[in-house]
Amino acid sequence: MPDLLTAAEREALLPPLGETGWGADPATDSLRKIWKFRSFSEAWAFMSRVALLAEKRNHHPDWRNVYNVVDLRLTTHDAGGLTRLDTDMAVAIDRYAGAAEVQRDQTEEIRCLCQARPR
């Protein structure tokens, strides 16, 4: 089982991830990021690429998808919190997101395209 991140590792690894939109959630000891893609198809393609990566690394995210939005969390369940598996996975996942918009304020309501369009 991988070791939890030390305080020094957190200080070194989490700020650069924060700059790209990953937020640390102390309550669940996880990393979270919310992407807004231009369409459902783009969001699904992203999730498919991440799923293949997760299978290859045997490290699977907790995620939610609503139309064009993907809300993803990383934590190492068997270790009880954040490990290098999570920070390394976050960096790798970012390569697949392309030009998707990142919702940096994770306390803000998540609105997908279907909710934002006038009826």
PDB file of N, CA and C in Angstrom:
ATOM      1  N   MET A   1       0.834  -1.169   0.000  1.00  0.00           N
ATOM      2  CA  MET A   1       0.000   0.000   0.000  1.00  0.00           C
ATOM      3  C   MET A   1       0.892   1.250   0.000  1.00  0.00           C
ATOM      4  N   PRO A   2       0.533   2.244  -0.795  1.00  0.00           N
ATOM      5  CA  PRO A   2       1.335   3.478  -0.814  1.00  0.00           C
ATOM      6  C   PRO A   2       1.174   4.266   0.481  1.00  0.00           C
ATOM      7  N   ASP A   3       2.200   5.054   0.792  1.00  0.00           N
ATOM      8  CA  ASP A   3       2.187   5.873   2.002  1.00  0.00           C
ATOM      9  C   ASP A   3       1.451   7.179   1.759  1.00  0.00           C
ATOM     10  N   LEU A   4       0.778   7.667   2.789  1.00  0.00           N
ATOM     11  CA  LEU A   4       0.164   8.993   2.728  1.00  0.00           C
ATOM     12  C   LEU A   4       1.246  10.039   2.505  1.00  0.00           C
ATOM     13  N   LEU A   5       0.868  11.138   1.858  1.00  0.00           N
ATOM     14  CA  LEU A   5       1.817  12.234   1.663  1.00  0.00           C
ATOM     15  C   LEU A   5       2.214  12.833   3.001  1.00  0.00           C
ATOM     16  N   THR A   6       3.486  13.117   3.156  1.00  0.00           N
ATOM     17  CA  THR A   6       3.968  13.804   4.353  1.00  0.00           C
ATOM     18  C   THR A   6       3.622  15.287   4.237  1.00  0.00           C
ATOM     19  N   ALA A   7       3.777  16.003   5.308  1.00  0.00           N
ATOM     20  CA  ALA A   7       3.535  17.451   5.283  1.00  0.00           C
ATOM     21  C   ALA A   7       4.461  18.124   4.269  1.00  0.00           C
ATOM     22  N   ALA A   8       5.712  17.717   4.220  1.00  0.00           N
ATOM     23  CA  ALA A   8       6.667  18.310   3.268  1.00  0.00           C
ATOM     24  C   ALA A   8       6.267  17.995   1.827  1.00  0.00           C
ATOM     25  N   GLU A   9       5.817  16.774   1.576  1.00  0.00           N
ATOM     26  CA  GLU A   9       5.376  16.419   0.218  1.00  0.00           C
ATOM     27  C   GLU A   9       4.142  17.228  -0.176  1.00  0.00           C
ATOM     28  N   ARG A  10       3.224  17.415   0.749  1.00  0.00           N
ATOM     29  CA  ARG A  10       2.034  18.223   0.463  1.00  0.00           C
ATOM     30  C   ARG A  10       2.422  19.660   0.112  1.00  0.00           C
ATOM     31  N   GLU A  11       3.351  20.212   0.879  1.00  0.00           N
ATOM     32  CA  GLU A  11       3.799  21.588   0.621  1.00  0.00           C
ATOM     33  C   GLU A  11       4.464  21.717  -0.744  1.00  0.00           C
ATOM     34  N   ALA A  12       5.127  20.674  -1.196  1.00  0.00           N
ATOM     35  CA  ALA A  12       5.809  20.703  -2.490  1.00  0.00           C
ATOM     36  C   ALA A  12       4.878  20.370  -3.652  1.00  0.00           C
ATOM     37  N   LEU A  13       3.977  19.423  -3.468  1.00  0.00           N
ATOM     38  CA  LEU A  13       3.182  18.902  -4.582  1.00  0.00           C
ATOM     39  C   LEU A  13       1.834  19.593  -4.791  1.00  0.00           C
ATOM     40  N   LEU A  14       1.186  20.040  -3.727  1.00  0.00           N
ATOM     41  CA  LEU A  14      -0.172  20.564  -3.869  1.00  0.00           C
ATOM     42  C   LEU A  14      -0.259  21.962  -4.473  1.00  0.00           C
ATOM     43  N   PRO A  15       0.635  22.912  -4.146  1.00  0.00           N
ATOM     44  CA  PRO A  15       0.515  24.233  -4.763  1.00  0.00           C
ATOM     45  C   PRO A  15       0.572  24.231  -6.299  1.00  0.00           C
ATOM     46  N   PRO A  16       1.497  23.494  -6.940  1.00  0.00           N
ATOM     47  CA  PRO A  16       1.483  23.482  -8.414  1.00  0.00           C
ATOM     48  C   PRO A  16       0.190  22.880  -8.981  1.00  0.00           C
ATOM     49  N   LEU A  17      -0.369  21.889  -8.296  1.00  0.00           N
ATOM     50  CA  LEU A  17      -1.650  21.334  -8.739  1.00  0.00           C
ATOM     51  C   LEU A  17      -2.765  22.359  -8.561  1.00  0.00           C
ATOM     52  N   GLY A  18      -2.702  23.117  -7.484  1.00  0.00           N
ATOM     53  CA  GLY A  18      -3.689  24.174  -7.247  1.00  0.00           C
ATOM     54  C   GLY A  18      -3.678  25.223  -8.338  1.00  0.00           C
ATOM     55  N   GLU A  19      -2.508  25.511  -8.867  1.00  0.00           N
ATOM     56  CA  GLU A  19      -2.396  26.490  -9.950  1.00  0.00           C
ATOM     57  C   GLU A  19      -3.129  26.030 -11.209  1.00  0.00           C
ATOM     58  N   THR A  20      -3.288  24.731 -11.388  1.00  0.00           N
ATOM     59  CA  THR A  20      -3.988  24.212 -12.563  1.00  0.00           C
ATOM     60  C   THR A  20      -5.465  23.940 -12.282  1.00  0.00           C
ATOM     61  N   GLY A  21      -5.923  24.227 -11.043  1.00  0.00           N
ATOM     62  CA  GLY A  21      -7.334  24.080 -10.725  1.00  0.00           C
ATOM     63  C   GLY A  21      -7.686  22.927  -9.816  1.00  0.00           C
ATOM     64  N   TRP A  22      -6.697  22.130  -9.417  1.00  0.00           N
ATOM     65  CA  TRP A  22      -6.971  21.058  -8.472  1.00  0.00           C
ATOM     66  C   TRP A  22      -7.117  21.669  -7.083  1.00  0.00           C
ATOM     67  N   GLY A  23      -8.167  21.297  -6.380  1.00  0.00           N
ATOM     68  CA  GLY A  23      -8.375  21.779  -5.028  1.00  0.00           C
ATOM     69  C   GLY A  23      -8.219  20.644  -4.036  1.00  0.00           C
ATOM     70  N   ALA A  24      -7.522  20.895  -2.954  1.00  0.00           N
ATOM     71  CA  ALA A  24      -7.374  19.897  -1.898  1.00  0.00           C
ATOM     72  C   ALA A  24      -8.584  20.003  -0.979  1.00  0.00           C
ATOM     73  N   ASP A  25      -9.209  18.881  -0.691  1.00  0.00           N
ATOM     74  CA  ASP A  25     -10.358  18.830   0.205  1.00  0.00           C
ATOM     75  C   ASP A  25      -9.923  18.145   1.497  1.00  0.00           C
ATOM     76  N   PRO A  26      -9.663  18.924   2.551  1.00  0.00           N
ATOM     77  CA  PRO A  26      -9.178  18.335   3.802  1.00  0.00           C
ATOM     78  C   PRO A  26     -10.187  17.376   4.440  1.00  0.00           C
ATOM     79  N   ALA A  27     -11.472  17.609   4.238  1.00  0.00           N
ATOM     80  CA  ALA A  27     -12.498  16.763   4.862  1.00  0.00           C
ATOM     81  C   ALA A  27     -12.429  15.325   4.354  1.00  0.00           C
ATOM     82  N   THR A  28     -12.076  15.154   3.068  1.00  0.00           N
ATOM     83  CA  THR A  28     -11.997  13.809   2.486  1.00  0.00           C
ATOM     84  C   THR A  28     -10.569  13.416   2.133  1.00  0.00           C
ATOM     85  N   ASP A  29      -9.615  14.304   2.424  1.00  0.00           N
ATOM     86  CA  ASP A  29      -8.216  14.115   2.051  1.00  0.00           C
ATOM     87  C   ASP A  29      -8.120  13.665   0.600  1.00  0.00           C
ATOM     88  N   SER A  30      -8.675  14.508  -0.270  1.00  0.00           N
ATOM     89  CA  SER A  30      -8.704  14.203  -1.699  1.00  0.00           C
ATOM     90  C   SER A  30      -8.352  15.444  -2.503  1.00  0.00           C
ATOM     91  N   LEU A  31      -8.105  15.215  -3.790  1.00  0.00           N
ATOM     92  CA  LEU A  31      -7.936  16.288  -4.761  1.00  0.00           C
ATOM     93  C   LEU A  31      -9.184  16.313  -5.621  1.00  0.00           C
ATOM     94  N   ARG A  32      -9.656  17.499  -5.965  1.00  0.00           N
ATOM     95  CA  ARG A  32     -10.869  17.630  -6.775  1.00  0.00           C
ATOM     96  C   ARG A  32     -10.635  18.653  -7.877  1.00  0.00           C
ATOM     97  N   LYS A  33     -11.199  18.355  -9.047  1.00  0.00           N
ATOM     98  CA  LYS A  33     -11.150  19.303 -10.155  1.00  0.00           C
ATOM     99  C   LYS A  33     -12.435  19.176 -10.955  1.00  0.00           C
ATOM    100  N   ILE A  34     -12.927  20.316 -11.439  1.00  0.00           N
ATOM    101  CA  ILE A  34     -14.165  20.360 -12.213  1.00  0.00           C
ATOM    102  C   ILE A  34     -13.851  20.963 -13.577  1.00  0.00           C
ATOM    103  N   TRP A  35     -14.144  20.201 -14.639  1.00  0.00           N
ATOM    104  CA  TRP A  35     -13.940  20.676 -16.008  1.00  0.00           C
ATOM    105  C   TRP A  35     -15.284  20.890 -16.679  1.00  0.00           C
ATOM    106  N   LYS A  36     -15.336  21.913 -17.531  1.00  0.00           N
ATOM    107  CA  LYS A  36     -16.510  22.155 -18.363  1.00  0.00           C
ATOM    108  C   LYS A  36     -16.048  22.079 -19.817  1.00  0.00           C
ATOM    109  N   PHE A  37     -16.559  21.098 -20.515  1.00  0.00           N
ATOM    110  CA  PHE A  37     -16.203  20.883 -21.914  1.00  0.00           C
ATOM    111  C   PHE A  37     -17.230  21.567 -22.811  1.00  0.00           C
ATOM    112  N   ARG A  38     -16.941  21.638 -24.085  1.00  0.00           N
ATOM    113  CA  ARG A  38     -17.845  22.305 -25.027  1.00  0.00           C
ATOM    114  C   ARG A  38     -19.080  21.477 -25.338  1.00  0.00           C
ATOM    115  N   SER A  39     -19.028  20.179 -25.056  1.00  0.00           N
ATOM    116  CA  SER A  39     -20.158  19.312 -25.379  1.00  0.00           C
ATOM    117  C   SER A  39     -20.097  18.038 -24.540  1.00  0.00           C
ATOM    118  N   PHE A  40     -21.184  17.309 -24.575  1.00  0.00           N
ATOM    119  CA  PHE A  40     -21.219  16.005 -23.910  1.00  0.00           C
ATOM    120  C   PHE A  40     -20.192  15.074 -24.530  1.00  0.00           C
ATOM    121  N   SER A  41     -20.062  15.106 -25.843  1.00  0.00           N
ATOM    122  CA  SER A  41     -19.114  14.221 -26.532  1.00  0.00           C
ATOM    123  C   SER A  41     -17.685  14.464 -26.081  1.00  0.00           C
ATOM    124  N   GLU A  42     -17.307  15.728 -25.923  1.00  0.00           N
ATOM    125  CA  GLU A  42     -15.950  16.038 -25.450  1.00  0.00           C
ATOM    126  C   GLU A  42     -15.747  15.552 -24.017  1.00  0.00           C
ATOM    127  N   ALA A  43     -16.758  15.745 -23.174  1.00  0.00           N
ATOM    128  CA  ALA A  43     -16.654  15.282 -21.786  1.00  0.00           C
ATOM    129  C   ALA A  43     -16.527  13.758 -21.755  1.00  0.00           C
ATOM    130  N   TRP A  44     -17.312  13.082 -22.562  1.00  0.00           N
ATOM    131  CA  TRP A  44     -17.272  11.621 -22.583  1.00  0.00           C
ATOM    132  C   TRP A  44     -15.933  11.112 -23.115  1.00  0.00           C
ATOM    133  N   ALA A  45     -15.394  11.762 -24.138  1.00  0.00           N
ATOM    134  CA  ALA A  45     -14.093  11.361 -24.679  1.00  0.00           C
ATOM    135  C   ALA A  45     -13.009  11.516 -23.613  1.00  0.00           C
ATOM    136  N   PHE A  46     -13.057  12.614 -22.870  1.00  0.00           N
ATOM    137  CA  PHE A  46     -12.113  12.835 -21.773  1.00  0.00           C
ATOM    138  C   PHE A  46     -12.237  11.712 -20.738  1.00  0.00           C
ATOM    139  N   MET A  47     -13.462  11.403 -20.351  1.00  0.00           N
ATOM    140  CA  MET A  47     -13.677  10.356 -19.353  1.00  0.00           C
ATOM    141  C   MET A  47     -13.190   8.998 -19.863  1.00  0.00           C
ATOM    142  N   SER A  48     -13.355   8.748 -21.138  1.00  0.00           N
ATOM    143  CA  SER A  48     -12.883   7.479 -21.707  1.00  0.00           C
ATOM    144  C   SER A  48     -11.368   7.373 -21.627  1.00  0.00           C
ATOM    145  N   ARG A  49     -10.674   8.472 -21.952  1.00  0.00           N
ATOM    146  CA  ARG A  49      -9.212   8.461 -21.867  1.00  0.00           C
ATOM    147  C   ARG A  49      -8.748   8.291 -20.421  1.00  0.00           C
ATOM    148  N   VAL A  50      -9.422   8.980 -19.500  1.00  0.00           N
ATOM    149  CA  VAL A  50      -9.065   8.854 -18.083  1.00  0.00           C
ATOM    150  C   VAL A  50      -9.350   7.433 -17.588  1.00  0.00           C
ATOM    151  N   ALA A  51     -10.438   6.838 -18.041  1.00  0.00           N
ATOM    152  CA  ALA A  51     -10.771   5.471 -17.631  1.00  0.00           C
ATOM    153  C   ALA A  51      -9.687   4.487 -18.067  1.00  0.00           C
ATOM    154  N   LEU A  52      -9.185   4.647 -19.280  1.00  0.00           N
ATOM    155  CA  LEU A  52      -8.116   3.763 -19.758  1.00  0.00           C
ATOM    156  C   LEU A  52      -6.836   3.955 -18.931  1.00  0.00           C
ATOM    157  N   LEU A  53      -6.525   5.208 -18.624  1.00  0.00           N
ATOM    158  CA  LEU A  53      -5.362   5.496 -17.777  1.00  0.00           C
ATOM    159  C   LEU A  53      -5.550   4.873 -16.389  1.00  0.00           C
ATOM    160  N   ALA A  54      -6.741   5.012 -15.827  1.00  0.00           N
ATOM    161  CA  ALA A  54      -7.028   4.468 -14.505  1.00  0.00           C
ATOM    162  C   ALA A  54      -6.866   2.949 -14.485  1.00  0.00           C
ATOM    163  N   GLU A  55      -7.331   2.298 -15.527  1.00  0.00           N
ATOM    164  CA  GLU A  55      -7.172   0.841 -15.611  1.00  0.00           C
ATOM    165  C   GLU A  55      -5.695   0.463 -15.693  1.00  0.00           C
ATOM    166  N   LYS A  56      -4.965   1.208 -16.513  1.00  0.00           N
ATOM    167  CA  LYS A  56      -3.534   0.924 -16.681  1.00  0.00           C
ATOM    168  C   LYS A  56      -2.785   1.086 -15.354  1.00  0.00           C
ATOM    169  N   ARG A  57      -3.141   2.113 -14.593  1.00  0.00           N
ATOM    170  CA  ARG A  57      -2.453   2.400 -13.329  1.00  0.00           C
ATOM    171  C   ARG A  57      -3.098   1.714 -12.130  1.00  0.00           C
ATOM    172  N   ASN A  58      -4.252   1.094 -12.361  1.00  0.00           N
ATOM    173  CA  ASN A  58      -5.028   0.481 -11.284  1.00  0.00           C
ATOM    174  C   ASN A  58      -5.277   1.492 -10.163  1.00  0.00           C
ATOM    175  N   HIS A  59      -5.669   2.685 -10.563  1.00  0.00           N
ATOM    176  CA  HIS A  59      -5.978   3.760  -9.616  1.00  0.00           C
ATOM    177  C   HIS A  59      -7.151   4.550 -10.197  1.00  0.00           C
ATOM    178  N   HIS A  60      -8.316   4.384  -9.614  1.00  0.00           N
ATOM    179  CA  HIS A  60      -9.555   4.856 -10.220  1.00  0.00           C
ATOM    180  C   HIS A  60     -10.134   6.062  -9.484  1.00  0.00           C
ATOM    181  N   PRO A  61     -10.581   7.061 -10.243  1.00  0.00           N
ATOM    182  CA  PRO A  61     -11.143   8.267  -9.633  1.00  0.00           C
ATOM    183  C   PRO A  61     -12.583   8.054  -9.179  1.00  0.00           C
ATOM    184  N   ASP A  62     -13.017   8.928  -8.303  1.00  0.00           N
ATOM    185  CA  ASP A  62     -14.434   9.092  -7.997  1.00  0.00           C
ATOM    186  C   ASP A  62     -14.868  10.259  -8.874  1.00  0.00           C
ATOM    187  N   TRP A  63     -15.919  10.071  -9.658  1.00  0.00           N
ATOM    188  CA  TRP A  63     -16.311  11.164 -10.535  1.00  0.00           C
ATOM    189  C   TRP A  63     -17.792  11.208 -10.802  1.00  0.00           C
ATOM    190  N   ARG A  64     -18.185  12.346 -11.333  1.00  0.00           N
ATOM    191  CA  ARG A  64     -19.577  12.600 -11.683  1.00  0.00           C
ATOM    192  C   ARG A  64     -19.572  13.339 -13.010  1.00  0.00           C
ATOM    193  N   ASN A  65     -20.499  12.977 -13.866  1.00  0.00           N
ATOM    194  CA  ASN A  65     -20.630  13.630 -15.166  1.00  0.00           C
ATOM    195  C   ASN A  65     -22.069  14.061 -15.349  1.00  0.00           C
ATOM    196  N   VAL A  66     -22.263  15.352 -15.647  1.00  0.00           N
ATOM    197  CA  VAL A  66     -23.568  15.868 -16.042  1.00  0.00           C
ATOM    198  C   VAL A  66     -23.349  16.642 -17.331  1.00  0.00           C
ATOM    199  N   TYR A  67     -23.856  16.089 -18.413  1.00  0.00           N
ATOM    200  CA  TYR A  67     -23.769  16.656 -19.753  1.00  0.00           C
ATOM    201  C   TYR A  67     -22.313  16.998 -20.106  1.00  0.00           C
ATOM    202  N   ASN A  68     -21.928  18.257 -20.056  1.00  0.00           N
ATOM    203  CA  ASN A  68     -20.582  18.653 -20.469  1.00  0.00           C
ATOM    204  C   ASN A  68     -19.612  18.831 -19.309  1.00  0.00           C
ATOM    205  N   VAL A  69     -20.043  18.531 -18.089  1.00  0.00           N
ATOM    206  CA  VAL A  69     -19.235  18.761 -16.889  1.00  0.00           C
ATOM    207  C   VAL A  69     -18.728  17.434 -16.330  1.00  0.00           C
ATOM    208  N   VAL A  70     -17.446  17.424 -15.970  1.00  0.00           N
ATOM    209  CA  VAL A  70     -16.854  16.285 -15.278  1.00  0.00           C
ATOM    210  C   VAL A  70     -16.287  16.801 -13.955  1.00  0.00           C
ATOM    211  N   ASP A  71     -16.757  16.224 -12.866  1.00  0.00           N
ATOM    212  CA  ASP A  71     -16.338  16.576 -11.509  1.00  0.00           C
ATOM    213  C   ASP A  71     -15.614  15.344 -10.966  1.00  0.00           C
ATOM    214  N   LEU A  72     -14.298  15.461 -10.752  1.00  0.00           N
ATOM    215  CA  LEU A  72     -13.469  14.295 -10.449  1.00  0.00           C
ATOM    216  C   LEU A  72     -12.715  14.478  -9.138  1.00  0.00           C
ATOM    217  N   ARG A  73     -12.641  13.410  -8.357  1.00  0.00           N
ATOM    218  CA  ARG A  73     -11.872  13.399  -7.108  1.00  0.00           C
ATOM    219  C   ARG A  73     -10.868  12.258  -7.142  1.00  0.00           C
ATOM    220  N   LEU A  74      -9.728  12.518  -6.558  1.00  0.00           N
ATOM    221  CA  LEU A  74      -8.685  11.500  -6.411  1.00  0.00           C
ATOM    222  C   LEU A  74      -8.314  11.361  -4.944  1.00  0.00           C
ATOM    223  N   THR A  75      -8.272  10.149  -4.480  1.00  0.00           N
ATOM    224  CA  THR A  75      -7.770   9.807  -3.159  1.00  0.00           C
ATOM    225  C   THR A  75      -7.406   8.329  -3.204  1.00  0.00           C
ATOM    226  N   THR A  76      -6.517   7.907  -2.356  1.00  0.00           N
ATOM    227  CA  THR A  76      -6.140   6.500  -2.312  1.00  0.00           C
ATOM    228  C   THR A  76      -6.898   5.866  -1.153  1.00  0.00           C
ATOM    229  N   HIS A  77      -7.987   5.188  -1.493  1.00  0.00           N
ATOM    230  CA  HIS A  77      -8.900   4.669  -0.476  1.00  0.00           C
ATOM    231  C   HIS A  77      -8.208   3.726   0.510  1.00  0.00           C
ATOM    232  N   ASP A  78      -7.393   2.806   0.007  1.00  0.00           N
ATOM    233  CA  ASP A  78      -6.794   1.828   0.928  1.00  0.00           C
ATOM    234  C   ASP A  78      -5.719   2.445   1.827  1.00  0.00           C
ATOM    235  N   ALA A  79      -5.216   3.636   1.465  1.00  0.00           N
ATOM    236  CA  ALA A  79      -4.257   4.334   2.322  1.00  0.00           C
ATOM    237  C   ALA A  79      -4.963   5.324   3.254  1.00  0.00           C
ATOM    238  N   GLY A  80      -6.220   5.640   2.944  1.00  0.00           N
ATOM    239  CA  GLY A  80      -6.982   6.567   3.778  1.00  0.00           C
ATOM    240  C   GLY A  80      -6.726   8.020   3.482  1.00  0.00           C
ATOM    241  N   GLY A  81      -6.257   8.345   2.265  1.00  0.00           N
ATOM    242  CA  GLY A  81      -6.027   9.745   1.907  1.00  0.00           C
ATOM    243  C   GLY A  81      -5.089   9.889   0.732  1.00  0.00           C
ATOM    244  N   LEU A  82      -4.504  11.073   0.627  1.00  0.00           N
ATOM    245  CA  LEU A  82      -3.671  11.413  -0.524  1.00  0.00           C
ATOM    246  C   LEU A  82      -2.308  10.733  -0.495  1.00  0.00           C
ATOM    247  N   THR A  83      -1.932  10.198  -1.661  1.00  0.00           N
ATOM    248  CA  THR A  83      -0.611   9.599  -1.858  1.00  0.00           C
ATOM    249  C   THR A  83      -0.045  10.125  -3.171  1.00  0.00           C
ATOM    250  N   ARG A  84       1.179   9.709  -3.485  1.00  0.00           N
ATOM    251  CA  ARG A  84       1.786  10.075  -4.768  1.00  0.00           C
ATOM    252  C   ARG A  84       0.980   9.525  -5.940  1.00  0.00           C
ATOM    253  N   LEU A  85       0.266   8.432  -5.725  1.00  0.00           N
ATOM    254  CA  LEU A  85      -0.597   7.917  -6.792  1.00  0.00           C
ATOM    255  C   LEU A  85      -1.581   8.993  -7.246  1.00  0.00           C
ATOM    256  N   ASP A  86      -2.114   9.744  -6.294  1.00  0.00           N
ATOM    257  CA  ASP A  86      -3.108  10.769  -6.599  1.00  0.00           C
ATOM    258  C   ASP A  86      -2.488  11.979  -7.298  1.00  0.00           C
ATOM    259  N   THR A  87      -1.366  12.453  -6.771  1.00  0.00           N
ATOM    260  CA  THR A  87      -0.745  13.633  -7.385  1.00  0.00           C
ATOM    261  C   THR A  87      -0.205  13.309  -8.774  1.00  0.00           C
ATOM    262  N   ASP A  88       0.374  12.124  -8.939  1.00  0.00           N
ATOM    263  CA  ASP A  88       0.865  11.720 -10.265  1.00  0.00           C
ATOM    264  C   ASP A  88      -0.297  11.548 -11.243  1.00  0.00           C
ATOM    265  N   MET A  89      -1.399  10.979 -10.758  1.00  0.00           N
ATOM    266  CA  MET A  89      -2.575  10.780 -11.597  1.00  0.00           C
ATOM    267  C   MET A  89      -3.169  12.133 -12.007  1.00  0.00           C
ATOM    268  N   ALA A  90      -3.192  13.096 -11.100  1.00  0.00           N
ATOM    269  CA  ALA A  90      -3.724  14.426 -11.413  1.00  0.00           C
ATOM    270  C   ALA A  90      -2.948  15.065 -12.561  1.00  0.00           C
ATOM    271  N   VAL A  91      -1.635  14.984 -12.505  1.00  0.00           N
ATOM    272  CA  VAL A  91      -0.793  15.546 -13.574  1.00  0.00           C
ATOM    273  C   VAL A  91      -1.097  14.853 -14.899  1.00  0.00           C
ATOM    274  N   ALA A  92      -1.218  13.540 -14.873  1.00  0.00           N
ATOM    275  CA  ALA A  92      -1.497  12.785 -16.101  1.00  0.00           C
ATOM    276  C   ALA A  92      -2.882  13.111 -16.644  1.00  0.00           C
ATOM    277  N   ILE A  93      -3.877  13.219 -15.789  1.00  0.00           N
ATOM    278  CA  ILE A  93      -5.240  13.525 -16.231  1.00  0.00           C
ATOM    279  C   ILE A  93      -5.298  14.877 -16.916  1.00  0.00           C
ATOM    280  N   ASP A  94      -4.570  15.850 -16.382  1.00  0.00           N
ATOM    281  CA  ASP A  94      -4.588  17.194 -16.972  1.00  0.00           C
ATOM    282  C   ASP A  94      -4.192  17.187 -18.447  1.00  0.00           C
ATOM    283  N   ARG A  95      -3.355  16.252 -18.846  1.00  0.00           N
ATOM    284  CA  ARG A  95      -2.923  16.188 -20.254  1.00  0.00           C
ATOM    285  C   ARG A  95      -4.077  15.850 -21.191  1.00  0.00           C
ATOM    286  N   TYR A  96      -5.128  15.241 -20.669  1.00  0.00           N
ATOM    287  CA  TYR A  96      -6.250  14.809 -21.500  1.00  0.00           C
ATOM    288  C   TYR A  96      -7.370  15.841 -21.620  1.00  0.00           C
ATOM    289  N   ALA A  97      -7.332  16.892 -20.847  1.00  0.00           N
ATOM    290  CA  ALA A  97      -8.462  17.827 -20.769  1.00  0.00           C
ATOM    291  C   ALA A  97      -8.513  18.832 -21.906  1.00  0.00           C
ATOM    292  N   GLY A  98      -7.424  19.007 -22.642  1.00  0.00           N
ATOM    293  CA  GLY A  98      -7.437  19.953 -23.758  1.00  0.00           C
ATOM    294  C   GLY A  98      -7.784  21.358 -23.306  1.00  0.00           C
ATOM    295  N   ALA A  99      -8.675  21.985 -24.046  1.00  0.00           N
ATOM    296  CA  ALA A  99      -9.028  23.384 -23.791  1.00  0.00           C
ATOM    297  C   ALA A  99     -10.260  23.533 -22.903  1.00  0.00           C
ATOM    298  N   ALA A 100     -10.604  22.509 -22.162  1.00  0.00           N
ATOM    299  CA  ALA A 100     -11.775  22.588 -21.286  1.00  0.00           C
ATOM    300  C   ALA A 100     -11.602  23.698 -20.261  1.00  0.00           C
ATOM    301  N   GLU A 101     -12.708  24.333 -19.928  1.00  0.00           N
ATOM    302  CA  GLU A 101     -12.716  25.353 -18.887  1.00  0.00           C
ATOM    303  C   GLU A 101     -12.649  24.660 -17.527  1.00  0.00           C
ATOM    304  N   VAL A 102     -11.913  25.243 -16.599  1.00  0.00           N
ATOM    305  CA  VAL A 102     -11.808  24.694 -15.249  1.00  0.00           C
ATOM    306  C   VAL A 102     -12.594  25.597 -14.309  1.00  0.00           C
ATOM    307  N   GLN A 103     -13.486  25.003 -13.539  1.00  0.00           N
ATOM    308  CA  GLN A 103     -14.225  25.750 -12.532  1.00  0.00           C
ATOM    309  C   GLN A 103     -13.376  25.775 -11.270  1.00  0.00           C
ATOM    310  N   ARG A 104     -12.714  26.895 -11.032  1.00  0.00           N
ATOM    311  CA  ARG A 104     -11.765  26.992  -9.919  1.00  0.00           C
ATOM    312  C   ARG A 104     -12.441  27.156  -8.561  1.00  0.00           C
ATOM    313  N   ASP A 105     -13.587  27.814  -8.531  1.00  0.00           N
ATOM    314  CA  ASP A 105     -14.310  27.968  -7.265  1.00  0.00           C
ATOM    315  C   ASP A 105     -15.184  26.728  -7.077  1.00  0.00           C
ATOM    316  N   GLN A 106     -14.714  25.822  -6.244  1.00  0.00           N
ATOM    317  CA  GLN A 106     -15.416  24.558  -6.072  1.00  0.00           C
ATOM    318  C   GLN A 106     -16.602  24.671  -5.123  1.00  0.00           C
ATOM    319  N   THR A 107     -16.797  25.842  -4.531  1.00  0.00           N
ATOM    320  CA  THR A 107     -17.973  26.060  -3.696  1.00  0.00           C
ATOM    321  C   THR A 107     -19.141  26.582  -4.538  1.00  0.00           C
ATOM    322  N   GLU A 108     -18.844  27.040  -5.733  1.00  0.00           N
ATOM    323  CA  GLU A 108     -19.861  27.563  -6.643  1.00  0.00           C
ATOM    324  C   GLU A 108     -20.691  26.408  -7.210  1.00  0.00           C
ATOM    325  N   GLU A 109     -21.972  26.673  -7.448  1.00  0.00           N
ATOM    326  CA  GLU A 109     -22.843  25.661  -8.039  1.00  0.00           C
ATOM    327  C   GLU A 109     -22.300  25.254  -9.418  1.00  0.00           C
ATOM    328  N   ILE A 110     -22.345  23.979  -9.693  1.00  0.00           N
ATOM    329  CA  ILE A 110     -21.892  23.468 -10.982  1.00  0.00           C
ATOM    330  C   ILE A 110     -23.069  23.512 -11.949  1.00  0.00           C
ATOM    331  N   ARG A 111     -22.894  24.235 -13.046  1.00  0.00           N
ATOM    332  CA  ARG A 111     -23.960  24.360 -14.041  1.00  0.00           C
ATOM    333  C   ARG A 111     -23.458  23.840 -15.373  1.00  0.00           C
ATOM    334  N   CYS A 112     -24.159  22.862 -15.906  1.00  0.00           N
ATOM    335  CA  CYS A 112     -23.797  22.319 -17.214  1.00  0.00           C
ATOM    336  C   CYS A 112     -24.435  23.165 -18.312  1.00  0.00           C
ATOM    337  N   LEU A 113     -24.054  22.913 -19.563  1.00  0.00           N
ATOM    338  CA  LEU A 113     -24.596  23.659 -20.690  1.00  0.00           C
ATOM    339  C   LEU A 113     -26.110  23.564 -20.777  1.00  0.00           C
ATOM    340  N   CYS A 114     -26.648  22.403 -20.470  1.00  0.00           N
ATOM    341  CA  CYS A 114     -28.104  22.249 -20.575  1.00  0.00           C
ATOM    342  C   CYS A 114     -28.834  23.130 -19.573  1.00  0.00           C
ATOM    343  N   GLN A 115     -28.208  23.518 -18.470  1.00  0.00           N
ATOM    344  CA  GLN A 115     -28.819  24.412 -17.487  1.00  0.00           C
ATOM    345  C   GLN A 115     -28.554  25.871 -17.826  1.00  0.00           C
ATOM    346  N   ALA A 116     -27.503  26.139 -18.577  1.00  0.00           N
ATOM    347  CA  ALA A 116     -27.120  27.515 -18.866  1.00  0.00           C
ATOM    348  C   ALA A 116     -27.819  28.075 -20.102  1.00  0.00           C
ATOM    349  N   ARG A 117     -28.354  27.216 -20.941  1.00  0.00           N
ATOM    350  CA  ARG A 117     -29.005  27.681 -22.166  1.00  0.00           C
ATOM    351  C   ARG A 117     -30.399  28.222 -21.871  1.00  0.00           C
ATOM    352  N   PRO A 118     -30.752  29.355 -22.513  1.00  0.00           N
ATOM    353  CA  PRO A 118     -32.117  29.860 -22.342  1.00  0.00           C
ATOM    354  C   PRO A 118     -33.105  28.913 -23.033  1.00  0.00           C
ATOM    355  N   ARG A 119     -34.264  28.787 -22.447  1.00  0.00           N
ATOM    356  CA  ARG A 119     -35.280  27.889 -23.029  1.00  0.00           C
ATOM    357  C   ARG A 119     -36.226  28.627 -23.927  1.00  0.00           C
TER     358      ARG A 119
END
